PDB file of all heavy atoms in Angstrom:
ATOM      1  N   CYS A   1     -78.027 -51.322  71.193  1.00  0.00           N
ATOM      2  CA  CYS A   1     -77.740 -50.824  69.846  1.00  0.00           C
ATOM      3  C   CYS A   1     -76.758 -51.781  69.194  1.00  0.00           C
ATOM      4  O   CYS A   1     -75.614 -51.906  69.641  1.00  0.00           O
ATOM      5  CB  CYS A   1     -77.161 -49.425  69.894  1.00  0.00           C
ATOM      6  SG  CYS A   1     -76.582 -48.811  68.295  1.00  0.00           S
ATOM      7  N   ALA A   2     -77.218 -52.439  68.133  1.00  0.00           N
ATOM      8  CA  ALA A   2     -76.372 -53.383  67.408  1.00  0.00           C
ATOM      9  C   ALA A   2     -75.890 -52.753  66.115  1.00  0.00           C
ATOM     10  O   ALA A   2     -76.690 -52.232  65.334  1.00  0.00           O
ATOM     11  CB  ALA A   2     -77.146 -54.661  67.116  1.00  0.00           C
ATOM     12  N   ALA A   3     -74.593 -52.799  65.890  1.00  0.00           N
ATOM     13  CA  ALA A   3     -73.998 -52.242  64.678  1.00  0.00           C
ATOM     14  C   ALA A   3     -73.743 -53.340  63.666  1.00  0.00           C
ATOM     15  O   ALA A   3     -73.361 -54.454  64.017  1.00  0.00           O
ATOM     16  CB  ALA A   3     -72.691 -51.533  65.014  1.00  0.00           C
ATOM     17  N   SER A   4     -73.937 -53.004  62.398  1.00  0.00           N
ATOM     18  CA  SER A   4     -73.639 -53.932  61.315  1.00  0.00           C
ATOM     19  C   SER A   4     -73.034 -53.141  60.160  1.00  0.00           C
ATOM     20  O   SER A   4     -73.067 -51.921  60.135  1.00  0.00           O
ATOM     21  CB  SER A   4     -74.890 -54.684  60.867  1.00  0.00           C
ATOM     22  OG  SER A   4     -75.879 -53.784  60.403  1.00  0.00           O
ATOM     23  N   GLY A   5     -72.490 -53.872  59.203  1.00  0.00           N
ATOM     24  CA  GLY A   5     -71.838 -53.220  58.074  1.00  0.00           C
ATOM     25  C   GLY A   5     -70.347 -53.137  58.307  1.00  0.00           C
ATOM     26  O   GLY A   5     -69.734 -54.086  58.791  1.00  0.00           O
ATOM     27  N   PHE A   6     -69.747 -52.000  58.017  1.00  0.00           N
ATOM     28  CA  PHE A   6     -68.304 -51.817  58.083  1.00  0.00           C
ATOM     29  C   PHE A   6     -67.882 -51.472  59.509  1.00  0.00           C
ATOM     30  O   PHE A   6     -67.351 -50.399  59.798  1.00  0.00           O
ATOM     31  CB  PHE A   6     -67.878 -50.726  57.097  1.00  0.00           C
ATOM     32  CG  PHE A   6     -66.410 -50.709  56.816  1.00  0.00           C
ATOM     33  CD1 PHE A   6     -65.735 -51.870  56.461  1.00  0.00           C
ATOM     34  CD2 PHE A   6     -65.679 -49.527  56.906  1.00  0.00           C
ATOM     35  CE1 PHE A   6     -64.381 -51.861  56.206  1.00  0.00           C
ATOM     36  CE2 PHE A   6     -64.313 -49.499  56.648  1.00  0.00           C
ATOM     37  CZ  PHE A   6     -63.666 -50.662  56.298  1.00  0.00           C
ATOM     38  N   VAL A   7     -68.122 -52.418  60.436  1.00  0.00           N
ATOM     39  CA  VAL A   7     -67.950 -52.137  61.858  1.00  0.00           C
ATOM     40  C   VAL A   7     -66.489 -52.068  62.276  1.00  0.00           C
ATOM     41  O   VAL A   7     -66.177 -51.489  63.326  1.00  0.00           O
ATOM     42  CB  VAL A   7     -68.699 -53.178  62.716  1.00  0.00           C
ATOM     43  CG1 VAL A   7     -70.194 -53.099  62.448  1.00  0.00           C
ATOM     44  CG2 VAL A   7     -68.169 -54.573  62.458  1.00  0.00           C
ATOM     45  N   VAL A   8     -65.585 -52.643  61.498  1.00  0.00           N
ATOM     46  CA  VAL A   8     -64.183 -52.647  61.901  1.00  0.00           C
ATOM     47  C   VAL A   8     -63.605 -51.245  61.977  1.00  0.00           C
ATOM     48  O   VAL A   8     -62.588 -51.017  62.650  1.00  0.00           O
ATOM     49  CB  VAL A   8     -63.322 -53.502  60.934  1.00  0.00           C
ATOM     50  CG1 VAL A   8     -63.735 -54.968  61.022  1.00  0.00           C
ATOM     51  CG2 VAL A   8     -63.418 -53.001  59.507  1.00  0.00           C
ATOM     52  N   SER A   9     -64.259 -50.294  61.323  1.00  0.00           N
ATOM     53  CA  SER A   9     -63.739 -48.931  61.283  1.00  0.00           C
ATOM     54  C   SER A   9     -64.274 -48.066  62.423  1.00  0.00           C
ATOM     55  O   SER A   9     -63.842 -46.933  62.592  1.00  0.00           O
ATOM     56  CB  SER A   9     -64.103 -48.279  59.948  1.00  0.00           C
ATOM     57  OG  SER A   9     -65.503 -48.176  59.835  1.00  0.00           O
ATOM     58  N   ILE A  10     -65.207 -48.597  63.207  1.00  0.00           N
ATOM     59  CA  ILE A  10     -65.786 -47.809  64.300  1.00  0.00           C
ATOM     60  C   ILE A  10     -64.748 -47.598  65.388  1.00  0.00           C
ATOM     61  O   ILE A  10     -64.091 -48.548  65.818  1.00  0.00           O
ATOM     62  CB  ILE A  10     -67.019 -48.521  64.879  1.00  0.00           C
ATOM     63  CG1 ILE A  10     -68.140 -48.569  63.840  1.00  0.00           C
ATOM     64  CG2 ILE A  10     -67.501 -47.802  66.133  1.00  0.00           C
ATOM     65  CD1 ILE A  10     -69.332 -49.401  64.282  1.00  0.00           C
ATOM     66  N   ASN A  11     -64.594 -46.347  65.847  1.00  0.00           N
ATOM     67  CA  ASN A  11     -63.648 -46.107  66.937  1.00  0.00           C
ATOM     68  C   ASN A  11     -64.315 -45.621  68.217  1.00  0.00           C
ATOM     69  O   ASN A  11     -63.653 -45.467  69.243  1.00  0.00           O
ATOM     70  CB  ASN A  11     -62.538 -45.152  66.502  1.00  0.00           C
ATOM     71  CG  ASN A  11     -63.080 -43.862  65.922  1.00  0.00           C
ATOM     72  OD1 ASN A  11     -64.018 -43.287  66.463  1.00  0.00           O
ATOM     73  ND2 ASN A  11     -62.499 -43.402  64.828  1.00  0.00           N
ATOM     74  N   ALA A  12     -65.624 -45.377  68.179  1.00  0.00           N
ATOM     75  CA  ALA A  12     -66.350 -45.000  69.397  1.00  0.00           C
ATOM     76  C   ALA A  12     -67.830 -45.273  69.182  1.00  0.00           C
ATOM     77  O   ALA A  12     -68.338 -45.143  68.065  1.00  0.00           O
ATOM     78  CB  ALA A  12     -66.142 -43.532  69.738  1.00  0.00           C
ATOM     79  N   MET A  13     -68.500 -45.632  70.256  1.00  0.00           N
ATOM     80  CA  MET A  13     -69.962 -45.833  70.217  1.00  0.00           C
ATOM     81  C   MET A  13     -70.565 -45.282  71.488  1.00  0.00           C
ATOM     82  O   MET A  13     -69.946 -45.307  72.564  1.00  0.00           O
ATOM     83  CB  MET A  13     -70.328 -47.309  70.079  1.00  0.00           C
ATOM     84  CG  MET A  13     -70.006 -47.904  68.716  1.00  0.00           C
ATOM     85  SD  MET A  13     -70.642 -49.600  68.553  1.00  0.00           S
ATOM     86  CE  MET A  13     -72.406 -49.285  68.402  1.00  0.00           C
ATOM     87  N   GLY A  14     -71.792 -44.803  71.363  1.00  0.00           N
ATOM     88  CA  GLY A  14     -72.450 -44.282  72.557  1.00  0.00           C
ATOM     89  C   GLY A  14     -73.854 -43.830  72.267  1.00  0.00           C
ATOM     90  O   GLY A  14     -74.474 -44.278  71.292  1.00  0.00           O
ATOM     91  N   TRP A  15     -74.340 -42.934  73.118  1.00  0.00           N
ATOM     92  CA  TRP A  15     -75.734 -42.516  73.071  1.00  0.00           C
ATOM     93  C   TRP A  15     -75.870 -41.000  73.218  1.00  0.00           C
ATOM     94  O   TRP A  15     -75.127 -40.372  73.990  1.00  0.00           O
ATOM     95  CB  TRP A  15     -76.509 -43.190  74.206  1.00  0.00           C
ATOM     96  CG  TRP A  15     -76.564 -44.674  74.059  1.00  0.00           C
ATOM     97  CD1 TRP A  15     -75.639 -45.583  74.517  1.00  0.00           C
ATOM     98  CD2 TRP A  15     -77.578 -45.437  73.406  1.00  0.00           C
ATOM     99  NE1 TRP A  15     -76.018 -46.860  74.189  1.00  0.00           N
ATOM    100  CE2 TRP A  15     -77.214 -46.796  73.505  1.00  0.00           C
ATOM    101  CE3 TRP A  15     -78.763 -45.108  72.759  1.00  0.00           C
ATOM    102  CZ2 TRP A  15     -78.006 -47.814  72.979  1.00  0.00           C
ATOM    103  CZ3 TRP A  15     -79.542 -46.127  72.236  1.00  0.00           C
ATOM    104  CH2 TRP A  15     -79.154 -47.458  72.345  1.00  0.00           C
ATOM    105  N   TYR A  16     -76.835 -40.464  72.476  1.00  0.00           N
ATOM    106  CA  TYR A  16     -77.284 -39.083  72.598  1.00  0.00           C
ATOM    107  C   TYR A  16     -78.782 -39.126  72.874  1.00  0.00           C
ATOM    108  O   TYR A  16     -79.429 -40.160  72.711  1.00  0.00           O
ATOM    109  CB  TYR A  16     -77.001 -38.310  71.313  1.00  0.00           C
ATOM    110  CG  TYR A  16     -75.544 -37.987  71.086  1.00  0.00           C
ATOM    111  CD1 TYR A  16     -74.626 -38.980  70.771  1.00  0.00           C
ATOM    112  CD2 TYR A  16     -75.081 -36.678  71.180  1.00  0.00           C
ATOM    113  CE1 TYR A  16     -73.289 -38.686  70.556  1.00  0.00           C
ATOM    114  CE2 TYR A  16     -73.748 -36.358  70.966  1.00  0.00           C
ATOM    115  CZ  TYR A  16     -72.861 -37.373  70.656  1.00  0.00           C
ATOM    116  OH  TYR A  16     -71.537 -37.073  70.443  1.00  0.00           O
ATOM    117  N   ARG A  17     -79.336 -37.991  73.247  1.00  0.00           N
ATOM    118  CA  ARG A  17     -80.780 -37.917  73.438  1.00  0.00           C
ATOM    119  C   ARG A  17     -81.294 -36.546  73.009  1.00  0.00           C
ATOM    120  O   ARG A  17     -80.543 -35.567  72.994  1.00  0.00           O
ATOM    121  CB  ARG A  17     -81.162 -38.210  74.883  1.00  0.00           C
ATOM    122  CG  ARG A  17     -80.809 -37.110  75.870  1.00  0.00           C
ATOM    123  CD  ARG A  17     -81.149 -37.541  77.285  1.00  0.00           C
ATOM    124  NE  ARG A  17     -81.003 -36.449  78.230  1.00  0.00           N
ATOM    125  CZ  ARG A  17     -81.176 -36.568  79.545  1.00  0.00           C
ATOM    126  NH1 ARG A  17     -81.492 -37.758  80.063  1.00  0.00           N
ATOM    127  NH2 ARG A  17     -81.035 -35.532  80.335  1.00  0.00           N
ATOM    128  N   GLN A  18     -82.577 -36.517  72.688  1.00  0.00           N
ATOM    129  CA  GLN A  18     -83.218 -35.265  72.297  1.00  0.00           C
ATOM    130  C   GLN A  18     -84.604 -35.217  72.897  1.00  0.00           C
ATOM    131  O   GLN A  18     -85.462 -36.051  72.566  1.00  0.00           O
ATOM    132  CB  GLN A  18     -83.279 -35.138  70.771  1.00  0.00           C
ATOM    133  CG  GLN A  18     -83.757 -33.792  70.295  1.00  0.00           C
ATOM    134  CD  GLN A  18     -83.508 -33.589  68.813  1.00  0.00           C
ATOM    135  OE1 GLN A  18     -83.248 -34.521  68.059  1.00  0.00           O
ATOM    136  NE2 GLN A  18     -83.563 -32.348  68.366  1.00  0.00           N
ATOM    137  N   ALA A  19     -84.818 -34.236  73.753  1.00  0.00           N
ATOM    138  CA  ALA A  19     -86.126 -34.015  74.363  1.00  0.00           C
ATOM    139  C   ALA A  19     -86.913 -33.046  73.480  1.00  0.00           C
ATOM    140  O   ALA A  19     -86.333 -32.281  72.708  1.00  0.00           O
ATOM    141  CB  ALA A  19     -85.952 -33.444  75.764  1.00  0.00           C
ATOM    142  N   PRO A  20     -88.239 -33.055  73.580  1.00  0.00           N
ATOM    143  CA  PRO A  20     -89.062 -32.149  72.763  1.00  0.00           C
ATOM    144  C   PRO A  20     -88.643 -30.695  72.936  1.00  0.00           C
ATOM    145  O   PRO A  20     -88.501 -30.212  74.073  1.00  0.00           O
ATOM    146  CB  PRO A  20     -90.478 -32.388  73.290  1.00  0.00           C
ATOM    147  CG  PRO A  20     -90.445 -33.762  73.839  1.00  0.00           C
ATOM    148  CD  PRO A  20     -89.070 -33.943  74.417  1.00  0.00           C
ATOM    149  N   GLY A  21     -88.436 -30.006  71.828  1.00  0.00           N
ATOM    150  CA  GLY A  21     -88.086 -28.599  71.867  1.00  0.00           C
ATOM    151  C   GLY A  21     -86.646 -28.299  72.240  1.00  0.00           C
ATOM    152  O   GLY A  21     -86.275 -27.138  72.386  1.00  0.00           O
ATOM    153  N   LYS A  22     -85.836 -29.350  72.397  1.00  0.00           N
ATOM    154  CA  LYS A  22     -84.435 -29.160  72.784  1.00  0.00           C
ATOM    155  C   LYS A  22     -83.508 -29.743  71.734  1.00  0.00           C
ATOM    156  O   LYS A  22     -83.901 -30.572  70.921  1.00  0.00           O
ATOM    157  CB  LYS A  22     -84.167 -29.796  74.145  1.00  0.00           C
ATOM    158  CG  LYS A  22     -84.930 -29.147  75.292  1.00  0.00           C
ATOM    159  CD  LYS A  22     -84.483 -29.715  76.624  1.00  0.00           C
ATOM    160  CE  LYS A  22     -85.186 -29.027  77.774  1.00  0.00           C
ATOM    161  NZ  LYS A  22     -84.743 -29.564  79.101  1.00  0.00           N
ATOM    162  N   GLU A  23     -82.247 -29.322  71.788  1.00  0.00           N
ATOM    163  CA  GLU A  23     -81.249 -29.860  70.881  1.00  0.00           C
ATOM    164  C   GLU A  23     -80.791 -31.243  71.354  1.00  0.00           C
ATOM    165  O   GLU A  23     -80.891 -31.592  72.526  1.00  0.00           O
ATOM    166  CB  GLU A  23     -80.052 -28.911  70.803  1.00  0.00           C
ATOM    167  CG  GLU A  23     -80.366 -27.560  70.177  1.00  0.00           C
ATOM    168  CD  GLU A  23     -79.129 -26.713  70.005  1.00  0.00           C
ATOM    169  OE1 GLU A  23     -78.055 -27.122  70.488  1.00  0.00           O
ATOM    170  OE2 GLU A  23     -79.228 -25.645  69.367  1.00  0.00           O
ATOM    171  N   ARG A  24     -80.265 -31.996  70.398  1.00  0.00           N
ATOM    172  CA  ARG A  24     -79.710 -33.302  70.732  1.00  0.00           C
ATOM    173  C   ARG A  24     -78.469 -33.087  71.608  1.00  0.00           C
ATOM    174  O   ARG A  24     -77.645 -32.212  71.341  1.00  0.00           O
ATOM    175  CB  ARG A  24     -79.348 -34.054  69.460  1.00  0.00           C
ATOM    176  CG  ARG A  24     -79.000 -35.507  69.670  1.00  0.00           C
ATOM    177  CD  ARG A  24     -78.835 -36.245  68.357  1.00  0.00           C
ATOM    178  NE  ARG A  24     -80.075 -36.237  67.582  1.00  0.00           N
ATOM    179  CZ  ARG A  24     -80.242 -36.938  66.454  1.00  0.00           C
ATOM    180  NH1 ARG A  24     -79.250 -37.684  65.990  1.00  0.00           N
ATOM    181  NH2 ARG A  24     -81.381 -36.883  65.804  1.00  0.00           N
ATOM    182  N   GLU A  25     -78.350 -33.915  72.645  1.00  0.00           N
ATOM    183  CA  GLU A  25     -77.230 -33.759  73.569  1.00  0.00           C
ATOM    184  C   GLU A  25     -76.569 -35.102  73.854  1.00  0.00           C
ATOM    185  O   GLU A  25     -77.201 -36.161  73.786  1.00  0.00           O
ATOM    186  CB  GLU A  25     -77.706 -33.135  74.898  1.00  0.00           C
ATOM    187  CG  GLU A  25     -78.731 -33.949  75.643  1.00  0.00           C
ATOM    188  CD  GLU A  25     -79.158 -33.290  76.957  1.00  0.00           C
ATOM    189  OE1 GLU A  25     -78.541 -32.298  77.379  1.00  0.00           O
ATOM    190  OE2 GLU A  25     -80.129 -33.796  77.564  1.00  0.00           O
ATOM    191  N   LEU A  26     -75.306 -35.027  74.193  1.00  0.00           N
ATOM    192  CA  LEU A  26     -74.558 -36.228  74.538  1.00  0.00           C
ATOM    193  C   LEU A  26     -75.076 -36.825  75.842  1.00  0.00           C
ATOM    194  O   LEU A  26     -75.319 -36.113  76.811  1.00  0.00           O
ATOM    195  CB  LEU A  26     -73.073 -35.887  74.696  1.00  0.00           C
ATOM    196  CG  LEU A  26     -72.183 -36.988  75.262  1.00  0.00           C
ATOM    197  CD1 LEU A  26     -72.005 -38.109  74.257  1.00  0.00           C
ATOM    198  CD2 LEU A  26     -70.835 -36.418  75.695  1.00  0.00           C
ATOM    199  N   VAL A  27     -75.242 -38.139  75.848  1.00  0.00           N
ATOM    200  CA  VAL A  27     -75.480 -38.863  77.096  1.00  0.00           C
ATOM    201  C   VAL A  27     -74.133 -39.438  77.558  1.00  0.00           C
ATOM    202  O   VAL A  27     -73.568 -39.009  78.556  1.00  0.00           O
ATOM    203  CB  VAL A  27     -76.513 -39.981  76.913  1.00  0.00           C
ATOM    204  CG1 VAL A  27     -76.684 -40.760  78.221  1.00  0.00           C
ATOM    205  CG2 VAL A  27     -77.846 -39.407  76.454  1.00  0.00           C
ATOM    206  N   GLU A  28     -73.624 -40.377  76.797  1.00  0.00           N
ATOM    207  CA  GLU A  28     -72.364 -41.025  77.157  1.00  0.00           C
ATOM    208  C   GLU A  28     -71.822 -41.733  75.931  1.00  0.00           C
ATOM    209  O   GLU A  28     -72.576 -42.299  75.143  1.00  0.00           O
ATOM    210  CB  GLU A  28     -72.599 -42.035  78.292  1.00  0.00           C
ATOM    211  CG  GLU A  28     -71.344 -42.553  78.952  1.00  0.00           C
ATOM    212  CD  GLU A  28     -71.619 -43.218  80.303  1.00  0.00           C
ATOM    213  OE1 GLU A  28     -72.773 -43.185  80.780  1.00  0.00           O
ATOM    214  OE2 GLU A  28     -70.666 -43.769  80.880  1.00  0.00           O
ATOM    215  N   ILE A  29     -70.508 -41.691  75.778  1.00  0.00           N
ATOM    216  CA  ILE A  29     -69.886 -42.342  74.640  1.00  0.00           C
ATOM    217  C   ILE A  29     -68.575 -42.957  75.080  1.00  0.00           C
ATOM    218  O   ILE A  29     -67.900 -42.428  75.968  1.00  0.00           O
ATOM    219  CB  ILE A  29     -69.698 -41.348  73.474  1.00  0.00           C
ATOM    220  CG1 ILE A  29     -69.355 -42.082  72.179  1.00  0.00           C
ATOM    221  CG2 ILE A  29     -68.658 -40.293  73.808  1.00  0.00           C
ATOM    222  CD1 ILE A  29     -69.586 -41.240  70.949  1.00  0.00           C
ATOM    223  N   SER A  30     -68.240 -44.090  74.483  1.00  0.00           N
ATOM    224  CA  SER A  30     -67.048 -44.835  74.869  1.00  0.00           C
ATOM    225  C   SER A  30     -66.198 -45.118  73.641  1.00  0.00           C
ATOM    226  O   SER A  30     -66.698 -45.612  72.626  1.00  0.00           O
ATOM    227  CB  SER A  30     -67.461 -46.162  75.527  1.00  0.00           C
ATOM    228  OG  SER A  30     -66.325 -46.981  75.755  1.00  0.00           O
ATOM    229  N   SER A  31     -64.903 -44.818  73.750  1.00  0.00           N
ATOM    230  CA  SER A  31     -64.003 -45.097  72.641  1.00  0.00           C
ATOM    231  C   SER A  31     -63.487 -46.525  72.731  1.00  0.00           C
ATOM    232  O   SER A  31     -63.585 -47.182  73.773  1.00  0.00           O
ATOM    233  CB  SER A  31     -62.821 -44.133  72.666  1.00  0.00           C
ATOM    234  OG  SER A  31     -61.941 -44.473  73.734  1.00  0.00           O
ATOM    235  N   ASN A  32     -62.930 -47.004  71.641  1.00  0.00           N
ATOM    236  CA  ASN A  32     -62.366 -48.346  71.635  1.00  0.00           C
ATOM    237  C   ASN A  32     -61.206 -48.469  72.623  1.00  0.00           C
ATOM    238  O   ASN A  32     -60.909 -49.563  73.099  1.00  0.00           O
ATOM    239  CB  ASN A  32     -61.885 -48.723  70.231  1.00  0.00           C
ATOM    240  CG  ASN A  32     -63.022 -48.941  69.274  1.00  0.00           C
ATOM    241  OD1 ASN A  32     -64.193 -48.893  69.655  1.00  0.00           O
ATOM    242  ND2 ASN A  32     -62.698 -49.168  68.017  1.00  0.00           N
ATOM    243  N   GLY A  33     -60.585 -47.340  72.925  1.00  0.00           N
ATOM    244  CA  GLY A  33     -59.494 -47.344  73.877  1.00  0.00           C
ATOM    245  C   GLY A  33     -59.949 -47.306  75.324  1.00  0.00           C
ATOM    246  O   GLY A  33     -59.116 -47.259  76.235  1.00  0.00           O
ATOM    247  N   GLY A  34     -61.263 -47.321  75.537  1.00  0.00           N
ATOM    248  CA  GLY A  34     -61.792 -47.370  76.897  1.00  0.00           C
ATOM    249  C   GLY A  34     -62.029 -46.020  77.541  1.00  0.00           C
ATOM    250  O   GLY A  34     -62.353 -45.946  78.725  1.00  0.00           O
ATOM    251  N   ILE A  35     -61.878 -44.945  76.773  1.00  0.00           N
ATOM    252  CA  ILE A  35     -62.138 -43.618  77.328  1.00  0.00           C
ATOM    253  C   ILE A  35     -63.628 -43.328  77.206  1.00  0.00           C
ATOM    254  O   ILE A  35     -64.200 -43.434  76.128  1.00  0.00           O
ATOM    255  CB  ILE A  35     -61.321 -42.547  76.586  1.00  0.00           C
ATOM    256  CG1 ILE A  35     -59.824 -42.823  76.769  1.00  0.00           C
ATOM    257  CG2 ILE A  35     -61.681 -41.162  77.095  1.00  0.00           C
ATOM    258  CD1 ILE A  35     -58.937 -41.919  75.940  1.00  0.00           C
ATOM    259  N   THR A  36     -64.244 -42.938  78.320  1.00  0.00           N
ATOM    260  CA  THR A  36     -65.680 -42.662  78.363  1.00  0.00           C
ATOM    261  C   THR A  36     -65.906 -41.188  78.645  1.00  0.00           C
ATOM    262  O   THR A  36     -65.283 -40.619  79.546  1.00  0.00           O
ATOM    263  CB  THR A  36     -66.365 -43.505  79.436  1.00  0.00           C
ATOM    264  OG1 THR A  36     -66.173 -44.891  79.131  1.00  0.00           O
ATOM    265  CG2 THR A  36     -67.857 -43.223  79.467  1.00  0.00           C
TER     266      THR A  36
END
């Protein structure tokens, strides 16, 4: 996943997923401070 635009303001990046018939759920996310 490549970010562009106003990227200096991003403080966390990660991934979610959504299976058919289910709600979107967190997979994993990492903050700029290294907290996962």
